[in-house]
PDB file of all heavy atoms in Angstrom:
ATOM      1  N   GLU A   1     114.817 112.648  87.366  1.00  0.00           N
ATOM      2  CA  GLU A   1     113.518 112.421  88.004  1.00  0.00           C
ATOM      3  C   GLU A   1     112.407 113.088  87.195  1.00  0.00           C
ATOM      4  O   GLU A   1     112.632 114.102  86.528  1.00  0.00           O
ATOM      5  CB  GLU A   1     113.478 113.010  89.422  1.00  0.00           C
ATOM      6  CG  GLU A   1     114.494 112.446  90.376  1.00  0.00           C
ATOM      7  CD  GLU A   1     115.681 113.353  90.578  1.00  0.00           C
ATOM      8  OE1 GLU A   1     115.989 114.121  89.639  1.00  0.00           O
ATOM      9  OE2 GLU A   1     116.307 113.321  91.654  1.00  0.00           O
ATOM     10  N   SER A   2     111.224 112.538  87.317  1.00  0.00           N
ATOM     11  CA  SER A   2     110.038 113.127  86.709  1.00  0.00           C
ATOM     12  C   SER A   2     108.815 112.694  87.496  1.00  0.00           C
ATOM     13  O   SER A   2     108.897 111.776  88.321  1.00  0.00           O
ATOM     14  CB  SER A   2     109.901 112.709  85.242  1.00  0.00           C
ATOM     15  OG  SER A   2     109.788 111.312  85.138  1.00  0.00           O
ATOM     16  N   GLY A   3     107.694 113.376  87.237  1.00  0.00           N
ATOM     17  CA  GLY A   3     106.439 112.978  87.853  1.00  0.00           C
ATOM     18  C   GLY A   3     105.965 113.860  88.987  1.00  0.00           C
ATOM     19  O   GLY A   3     104.877 113.644  89.529  1.00  0.00           O
ATOM     20  N   GLY A   4     106.775 114.838  89.376  1.00  0.00           N
ATOM     21  CA  GLY A   4     106.347 115.738  90.440  1.00  0.00           C
ATOM     22  C   GLY A   4     105.270 116.690  89.969  1.00  0.00           C
ATOM     23  O   GLY A   4     104.933 116.734  88.784  1.00  0.00           O
ATOM     24  N   GLY A   5     104.712 117.442  90.915  1.00  0.00           N
ATOM     25  CA  GLY A   5     103.674 118.401  90.556  1.00  0.00           C
ATOM     26  C   GLY A   5     102.849 118.811  91.750  1.00  0.00           C
ATOM     27  O   GLY A   5     103.228 118.560  92.901  1.00  0.00           O
ATOM     28  N   LEU A   6     101.722 119.443  91.466  1.00  0.00           N
ATOM     29  CA  LEU A   6     100.795 119.906  92.493  1.00  0.00           C
ATOM     30  C   LEU A   6      99.634 118.927  92.597  1.00  0.00           C
ATOM     31  O   LEU A   6      99.035 118.561  91.575  1.00  0.00           O
ATOM     32  CB  LEU A   6     100.272 121.292  92.132  1.00  0.00           C
ATOM     33  CG  LEU A   6      99.172 121.880  93.019  1.00  0.00           C
ATOM     34  CD1 LEU A   6      99.687 122.107  94.426  1.00  0.00           C
ATOM     35  CD2 LEU A   6      98.645 123.186  92.406  1.00  0.00           C
ATOM     36  N   VAL A   7      99.329 118.507  93.810  1.00  0.00           N
ATOM     37  CA  VAL A   7      98.238 117.560  94.024  1.00  0.00           C
ATOM     38  C   VAL A   7      97.491 117.948  95.300  1.00  0.00           C
ATOM     39  O   VAL A   7      98.091 118.511  96.229  1.00  0.00           O
ATOM     40  CB  VAL A   7      98.787 116.113  94.108  1.00  0.00           C
ATOM     41  CG1 VAL A   7      99.711 115.945  95.302  1.00  0.00           C
ATOM     42  CG2 VAL A   7      97.673 115.088  94.128  1.00  0.00           C
ATOM     43  N   GLN A   8      96.212 117.656  95.343  1.00  0.00           N
ATOM     44  CA  GLN A   8      95.426 117.944  96.540  1.00  0.00           C
ATOM     45  C   GLN A   8      95.687 116.902  97.617  1.00  0.00           C
ATOM     46  O   GLN A   8      96.068 115.763  97.309  1.00  0.00           O
ATOM     47  CB  GLN A   8      93.943 117.958  96.185  1.00  0.00           C
ATOM     48  CG  GLN A   8      93.547 119.126  95.291  1.00  0.00           C
ATOM     49  CD  GLN A   8      92.047 119.203  95.101  1.00  0.00           C
ATOM     50  OE1 GLN A   8      91.312 118.245  95.353  1.00  0.00           O
ATOM     51  NE2 GLN A   8      91.567 120.359  94.660  1.00  0.00           N
ATOM     52  N   PRO A   9      95.484 117.267  98.857  1.00  0.00           N
ATOM     53  CA  PRO A   9      95.615 116.281  99.942  1.00  0.00           C
ATOM     54  C   PRO A   9      94.737 115.070  99.667  1.00  0.00           C
ATOM     55  O   PRO A   9      93.586 115.204  99.224  1.00  0.00           O
ATOM     56  CB  PRO A   9      95.134 117.053 101.174  1.00  0.00           C
ATOM     57  CG  PRO A   9      95.439 118.480 100.860  1.00  0.00           C
ATOM     58  CD  PRO A   9      95.198 118.623  99.389  1.00  0.00           C
ATOM     59  N   GLY A  10      95.310 113.897  99.926  1.00  0.00           N
ATOM     60  CA  GLY A  10      94.620 112.646  99.641  1.00  0.00           C
ATOM     61  C   GLY A  10      94.875 112.103  98.254  1.00  0.00           C
ATOM     62  O   GLY A  10      94.490 110.958  97.957  1.00  0.00           O
ATOM     63  N   GLY A  11      95.507 112.894  97.420  1.00  0.00           N
ATOM     64  CA  GLY A  11      95.781 112.475  96.052  1.00  0.00           C
ATOM     65  C   GLY A  11      97.022 111.612  95.932  1.00  0.00           C
ATOM     66  O   GLY A  11      97.652 111.251  96.934  1.00  0.00           O
ATOM     67  N   SER A  12      97.348 111.286  94.678  1.00  0.00           N
ATOM     68  CA  SER A  12      98.477 110.392  94.392  1.00  0.00           C
ATOM     69  C   SER A  12      99.367 110.982  93.320  1.00  0.00           C
ATOM     70  O   SER A  12      98.904 111.743  92.453  1.00  0.00           O
ATOM     71  CB  SER A  12      97.960 109.027  93.914  1.00  0.00           C
ATOM     72  OG  SER A  12      97.193 108.393  94.906  1.00  0.00           O
ATOM     73  N   LEU A  13     100.638 110.620  93.394  1.00  0.00           N
ATOM     74  CA  LEU A  13     101.614 110.917  92.352  1.00  0.00           C
ATOM     75  C   LEU A  13     102.547 109.728  92.236  1.00  0.00           C
ATOM     76  O   LEU A  13     102.761 108.994  93.203  1.00  0.00           O
ATOM     77  CB  LEU A  13     102.444 112.154  92.691  1.00  0.00           C
ATOM     78  CG  LEU A  13     101.812 113.542  92.515  1.00  0.00           C
ATOM     79  CD1 LEU A  13     102.761 114.610  93.036  1.00  0.00           C
ATOM     80  CD2 LEU A  13     101.458 113.799  91.061  1.00  0.00           C
ATOM     81  N   ARG A  14     103.109 109.584  91.041  1.00  0.00           N
ATOM     82  CA  ARG A  14     104.116 108.543  90.818  1.00  0.00           C
ATOM     83  C   ARG A  14     105.374 109.204  90.279  1.00  0.00           C
ATOM     84  O   ARG A  14     105.356 109.764  89.176  1.00  0.00           O
ATOM     85  CB  ARG A  14     103.617 107.494  89.830  1.00  0.00           C
ATOM     86  CG  ARG A  14     104.528 106.284  89.716  1.00  0.00           C
ATOM     87  CD  ARG A  14     104.155 105.429  88.542  1.00  0.00           C
ATOM     88  NE  ARG A  14     104.751 104.107  88.594  1.00  0.00           N
ATOM     89  CZ  ARG A  14     104.971 103.341  87.527  1.00  0.00           C
ATOM     90  NH1 ARG A  14     104.639 103.792  86.332  1.00  0.00           N
ATOM     91  NH2 ARG A  14     105.501 102.140  87.658  1.00  0.00           N
ATOM     92  N   LEU A  15     106.439 109.124  91.058  1.00  0.00           N
ATOM     93  CA  LEU A  15     107.719 109.651  90.626  1.00  0.00           C
ATOM     94  C   LEU A  15     108.514 108.566  89.907  1.00  0.00           C
ATOM     95  O   LEU A  15     108.435 107.393  90.273  1.00  0.00           O
ATOM     96  CB  LEU A  15     108.523 110.158  91.818  1.00  0.00           C
ATOM     97  CG  LEU A  15     107.860 111.201  92.713  1.00  0.00           C
ATOM     98  CD1 LEU A  15     108.846 111.662  93.786  1.00  0.00           C
ATOM     99  CD2 LEU A  15     107.343 112.380  91.918  1.00  0.00           C
ATOM    100  N   SER A  16     109.284 108.997  88.919  1.00  0.00           N
ATOM    101  CA  SER A  16     110.170 108.096  88.196  1.00  0.00           C
ATOM    102  C   SER A  16     111.584 108.661  88.213  1.00  0.00           C
ATOM    103  O   SER A  16     111.774 109.877  88.236  1.00  0.00           O
ATOM    104  CB  SER A  16     109.720 107.925  86.745  1.00  0.00           C
ATOM    105  OG  SER A  16     108.427 107.398  86.662  1.00  0.00           O
ATOM    106  N   CYS A  17     112.544 107.777  88.177  1.00  0.00           N
ATOM    107  CA  CYS A  17     113.945 108.177  88.098  1.00  0.00           C
ATOM    108  C   CYS A  17     114.630 107.260  87.089  1.00  0.00           C
ATOM    109  O   CYS A  17     114.758 106.055  87.350  1.00  0.00           O
ATOM    110  CB  CYS A  17     114.606 108.079  89.461  1.00  0.00           C
ATOM    111  SG  CYS A  17     116.410 108.296  89.439  1.00  0.00           S
ATOM    112  N   ALA A  18     115.025 107.835  85.980  1.00  0.00           N
ATOM    113  CA  ALA A  18     115.713 107.080  84.940  1.00  0.00           C
ATOM    114  C   ALA A  18     117.212 107.264  85.102  1.00  0.00           C
ATOM    115  O   ALA A  18     117.703 108.392  85.199  1.00  0.00           O
ATOM    116  CB  ALA A  18     115.266 107.565  83.567  1.00  0.00           C
ATOM    117  N   ALA A  19     117.930 106.158  85.132  1.00  0.00           N
ATOM    118  CA  ALA A  19     119.366 106.181  85.396  1.00  0.00           C
ATOM    119  C   ALA A  19     120.151 105.776  84.160  1.00  0.00           C
ATOM    120  O   ALA A  19     119.873 104.732  83.554  1.00  0.00           O
ATOM    121  CB  ALA A  19     119.695 105.228  86.538  1.00  0.00           C
ATOM    122  N   SER A  20     121.125 106.580  83.825  1.00  0.00           N
ATOM    123  CA  SER A  20     121.992 106.271  82.687  1.00  0.00           C
ATOM    124  C   SER A  20     123.259 105.610  83.212  1.00  0.00           C
ATOM    125  O   SER A  20     124.352 106.182  83.119  1.00  0.00           O
ATOM    126  CB  SER A  20     122.327 107.539  81.913  1.00  0.00           C
ATOM    127  OG  SER A  20     123.062 108.436  82.736  1.00  0.00           O
ATOM    128  N   VAL A  21     123.102 104.410  83.760  1.00  0.00           N
ATOM    129  CA  VAL A  21     124.227 103.657  84.298  1.00  0.00           C
ATOM    130  C   VAL A  21     124.200 102.255  83.720  1.00  0.00           C
ATOM    131  O   VAL A  21     123.134 101.734  83.403  1.00  0.00           O
ATOM    132  CB  VAL A  21     124.182 103.562  85.846  1.00  0.00           C
ATOM    133  CG1 VAL A  21     124.358 104.920  86.465  1.00  0.00           C
ATOM    134  CG2 VAL A  21     122.889 102.917  86.313  1.00  0.00           C
ATOM    135  N   SER A  22     125.365 101.674  83.625  1.00  0.00           N
ATOM    136  CA  SER A  22     125.416 100.257  83.272  1.00  0.00           C
ATOM    137  C   SER A  22     125.249  99.463  84.558  1.00  0.00           C
ATOM    138  O   SER A  22     125.495  99.959  85.639  1.00  0.00           O
ATOM    139  CB  SER A  22     126.742  99.926  82.597  1.00  0.00           C
ATOM    140  OG  SER A  22     127.825 100.249  83.453  1.00  0.00           O
ATOM    141  N   SER A  23     124.814  98.254  84.428  1.00  0.00           N
ATOM    142  CA  SER A  23     124.608  97.379  85.593  1.00  0.00           C
ATOM    143  C   SER A  23     123.676  98.007  86.616  1.00  0.00           C
ATOM    144  O   SER A  23     123.911  97.929  87.835  1.00  0.00           O
ATOM    145  CB  SER A  23     125.943  97.034  86.259  1.00  0.00           C
ATOM    146  OG  SER A  23     126.819  96.423  85.356  1.00  0.00           O
ATOM    147  N   PHE A  24     122.601  98.619  86.140  1.00  0.00           N
ATOM    148  CA  PHE A  24     121.640  99.281  87.040  1.00  0.00           C
ATOM    149  C   PHE A  24     121.152  98.327  88.112  1.00  0.00           C
ATOM    150  O   PHE A  24     120.936  98.729  89.262  1.00  0.00           O
ATOM    151  CB  PHE A  24     120.458  99.800  86.226  1.00  0.00           C
ATOM    152  CG  PHE A  24     119.338 100.351  87.042  1.00  0.00           C
ATOM    153  CD1 PHE A  24     119.418 101.623  87.595  1.00  0.00           C
ATOM    154  CD2 PHE A  24     118.182  99.599  87.281  1.00  0.00           C
ATOM    155  CE1 PHE A  24     118.379 102.141  88.359  1.00  0.00           C
ATOM    156  CE2 PHE A  24     117.143 100.106  88.035  1.00  0.00           C
ATOM    157  CZ  PHE A  24     117.238 101.383  88.569  1.00  0.00           C
ATOM    158  N   SER A  25     120.974  97.075  87.772  1.00  0.00           N
ATOM    159  CA  SER A  25     120.408  96.115  88.726  1.00  0.00           C
ATOM    160  C   SER A  25     121.292  95.927  89.949  1.00  0.00           C
ATOM    161  O   SER A  25     120.822  95.450  90.981  1.00  0.00           O
ATOM    162  CB  SER A  25     120.152  94.776  88.048  1.00  0.00           C
ATOM    163  OG  SER A  25     121.370  94.232  87.556  1.00  0.00           O
ATOM    164  N   ALA A  26     122.544  96.298  89.858  1.00  0.00           N
ATOM    165  CA  ALA A  26     123.465  96.133  90.987  1.00  0.00           C
ATOM    166  C   ALA A  26     123.425  97.312  91.956  1.00  0.00           C
ATOM    167  O   ALA A  26     124.008  97.230  93.043  1.00  0.00           O
ATOM    168  CB  ALA A  26     124.889  95.946  90.475  1.00  0.00           C
ATOM    169  N   TYR A  27     122.732  98.371  91.576  1.00  0.00           N
ATOM    170  CA  TYR A  27     122.706  99.580  92.394  1.00  0.00           C
ATOM    171  C   TYR A  27     121.626  99.512  93.471  1.00  0.00           C
ATOM    172  O   TYR A  27     120.510  99.027  93.226  1.00  0.00           O
ATOM    173  CB  TYR A  27     122.437 100.810  91.529  1.00  0.00           C
ATOM    174  CG  TYR A  27     123.660 101.341  90.831  1.00  0.00           C
ATOM    175  CD1 TYR A  27     124.174 100.685  89.719  1.00  0.00           C
ATOM    176  CD2 TYR A  27     124.290 102.489  91.264  1.00  0.00           C
ATOM    177  CE1 TYR A  27     125.292 101.172  89.066  1.00  0.00           C
ATOM    178  CE2 TYR A  27     125.404 102.987  90.618  1.00  0.00           C
ATOM    179  CZ  TYR A  27     125.900 102.326  89.523  1.00  0.00           C
ATOM    180  OH  TYR A  27     127.004 102.815  88.885  1.00  0.00           O
ATOM    181  N   ASP A  28     121.973 100.014  94.644  1.00  0.00           N
ATOM    182  CA  ASP A  28     120.959 100.330  95.640  1.00  0.00           C
ATOM    183  C   ASP A  28     120.395 101.698  95.265  1.00  0.00           C
ATOM    184  O   ASP A  28     121.146 102.635  95.004  1.00  0.00           O
ATOM    185  CB  ASP A  28     121.556 100.387  97.043  1.00  0.00           C
ATOM    186  CG  ASP A  28     122.014  99.021  97.528  1.00  0.00           C
ATOM    187  OD1 ASP A  28     121.398  98.010  97.128  1.00  0.00           O
ATOM    188  OD2 ASP A  28     122.986  98.969  98.298  1.00  0.00           O
ATOM    189  N   MET A  29     119.068 101.819  95.279  1.00  0.00           N
ATOM    190  CA  MET A  29     118.408 103.049  94.881  1.00  0.00           C
ATOM    191  C   MET A  29     117.608 103.609  96.056  1.00  0.00           C
ATOM    192  O   MET A  29     117.026 102.860  96.851  1.00  0.00           O
ATOM    193  CB  MET A  29     117.468 102.806  93.695  1.00  0.00           C
ATOM    194  CG  MET A  29     118.154 102.240  92.467  1.00  0.00           C
ATOM    195  SD  MET A  29     119.406 103.334  91.775  1.00  0.00           S
ATOM    196  CE  MET A  29     118.400 104.755  91.291  1.00  0.00           C
ATOM    197  N   ARG A  30     117.566 104.919  96.146  1.00  0.00           N
ATOM    198  CA  ARG A  30     116.855 105.571  97.241  1.00  0.00           C
ATOM    199  C   ARG A  30     116.116 106.800  96.734  1.00  0.00           C
ATOM    200  O   ARG A  30     116.499 107.396  95.740  1.00  0.00           O
ATOM    201  CB  ARG A  30     117.823 106.010  98.341  1.00  0.00           C
ATOM    202  CG  ARG A  30     118.683 104.926  98.919  1.00  0.00           C
ATOM    203  CD  ARG A  30     119.694 105.493  99.891  1.00  0.00           C
ATOM    204  NE  ARG A  30     120.650 104.476 100.311  1.00  0.00           N
ATOM    205  CZ  ARG A  30     121.715 104.716 101.066  1.00  0.00           C
ATOM    206  NH1 ARG A  30     121.959 105.944 101.485  1.00  0.00           N
ATOM    207  NH2 ARG A  30     122.526 103.737 101.405  1.00  0.00           N
ATOM    208  N   TRP A  31     115.090 107.166  97.477  1.00  0.00           N
ATOM    209  CA  TRP A  31     114.419 108.453  97.320  1.00  0.00           C
ATOM    210  C   TRP A  31     114.616 109.233  98.618  1.00  0.00           C
ATOM    211  O   TRP A  31     114.358 108.711  99.704  1.00  0.00           O
ATOM    212  CB  TRP A  31     112.931 108.289  97.046  1.00  0.00           C
ATOM    213  CG  TRP A  31     112.613 107.826  95.665  1.00  0.00           C
ATOM    214  CD1 TRP A  31     112.337 106.557  95.269  1.00  0.00           C
ATOM    215  CD2 TRP A  31     112.518 108.639  94.483  1.00  0.00           C
ATOM    216  NE1 TRP A  31     112.087 106.516  93.917  1.00  0.00           N
ATOM    217  CE2 TRP A  31     112.195 107.785  93.410  1.00  0.00           C
ATOM    218  CE3 TRP A  31     112.674 109.994  94.223  1.00  0.00           C
ATOM    219  CZ2 TRP A  31     112.012 108.246  92.102  1.00  0.00           C
ATOM    220  CZ3 TRP A  31     112.496 110.464  92.934  1.00  0.00           C
ATOM    221  CH2 TRP A  31     112.173 109.605  91.890  1.00  0.00           C
ATOM    222  N   TYR A  32     115.058 110.454  98.456  1.00  0.00           N
ATOM    223  CA  TYR A  32     115.161 111.402  99.560  1.00  0.00           C
ATOM    224  C   TYR A  32     114.200 112.551  99.278  1.00  0.00           C
ATOM    225  O   TYR A  32     113.753 112.738  98.149  1.00  0.00           O
ATOM    226  CB  TYR A  32     116.573 111.967  99.669  1.00  0.00           C
ATOM    227  CG  TYR A  32     117.611 111.053 100.223  1.00  0.00           C
ATOM    228  CD1 TYR A  32     118.201 110.076  99.428  1.00  0.00           C
ATOM    229  CD2 TYR A  32     118.050 111.173 101.541  1.00  0.00           C
ATOM    230  CE1 TYR A  32     119.187 109.239  99.928  1.00  0.00           C
ATOM    231  CE2 TYR A  32     119.034 110.342 102.052  1.00  0.00           C
ATOM    232  CZ  TYR A  32     119.601 109.380 101.240  1.00  0.00           C
ATOM    233  OH  TYR A  32     120.573 108.563 101.747  1.00  0.00           O
TER     234      TYR A  32
END
């Protein structure tokens, strides 16, 4: 994962998760 940090209320962030798997398109992905 990447993209976390400190932000003020009302602001925005974009998290990314890069996966080193084959057949990534077949995976169900979640954020917890």
